[in-house]
């Protein structure tokens, strides 16, 4: 699974993660074995494309949840003078408690597995500090930790190994640290206002060790509930349009080169084409269409995606660039709805990303070659098993 497809699946599972992922710069890298999170100069996640795309789909999504939770909890800033190997184990315990088992690899460090090793009860959904204090306070040091290639390994009771990445301890200045915390707080606040915040997202807990080198803002844990919450169609739409395509760089004489006088500069744009199809069956009001169109134009200005718009019932109208599109209020309806001409048009235009705004009632092909987002009216149902879907809310 491609990482951008995993981001969309994660957004469907928990819309909150979509906003959180927007903080990250995600980059392919052949220099990392699996994945590596860094906070400087801005939060970024480097990942090995070959390793990532060989993961089972559920685990590919789980990897993103895992790294985003480490970011949200700012584990890289909370180690202090603690032992880095044990701290890595405890951070993974704190994170993996909130990820479904089927989304974790077999070698994941979990509270359940650590409990079997230390033979004592450990509470679930607690902070890394809680687990560190519990495990470091055990008299016989039953956990055997081994550092290997930026990770720490330890045996399960059955002899197989668990592995946790060692948190990269970074010397981040107070200004950048405050800016990052403010950004995370803004995301949590915005998600709360949009009714996208899982019910148990904020759970304050006292940290037992009063000598922790933590600022007051960090004296709490964020907890992600596995419950499904309402998906914001605008976030889904934005993620779909901005989450694909490669950066294209082309010469332009409208901009001077910064390095060589008299040479043309370069213009960067996202090399992605999208076909947006609007259902003309009468189930979509002009008000809904205006809201949808305004959101489309807003996203288009940000991403620079090449968007063509068509209206359809049993046939498609001539596609127009999004900036020039005019809704044809007096179009003659052919009766009924057929989604198949949309994908035929996409094939002819060599477009492999399609967005369809519809109530979902109509004939759909059994399979398509395109990546599809169905934006459905409030009572609409996805008419085909392929693609992603989200319900439109005014």
Foldseek 3Di string as FASTA:
>chain_A
DFLLVLLLVLCQQFVLLLLLCVQEAEEEDPVDPAWDWDPPPHTYIYGHGVVLVVDPSLQNNVVSQQVSQCLLLVLLAFCPPHDQQLLQLLSQQLRCLQRDPVNHDPQGRYPVQVCQQLVDDDDHNDHSLRSSVVQVPDDPNRWDWDDDDQKIWTAGPVGDIHIGGGRNRDDDDPVSVVVSLVSSVVSQVVCVVVFRAPPQQWDADARPDPPGPDDPVSNGHTHHHSDGTARAVLSSVLSLQQSDADKDKDFDQVDAPPPDPPGTHIDIAGAAEEEEEEEPQPPADPVNVVVVLVSVVVSCVVHVYFYWYWYFAPATDDTDTSVPDDDDPPDDDPDGHAPVNVLVVCVVVVHAEYEYEELQGHHYDADGRHAYEYAHEPNGDNNYPGHHYHYDDD
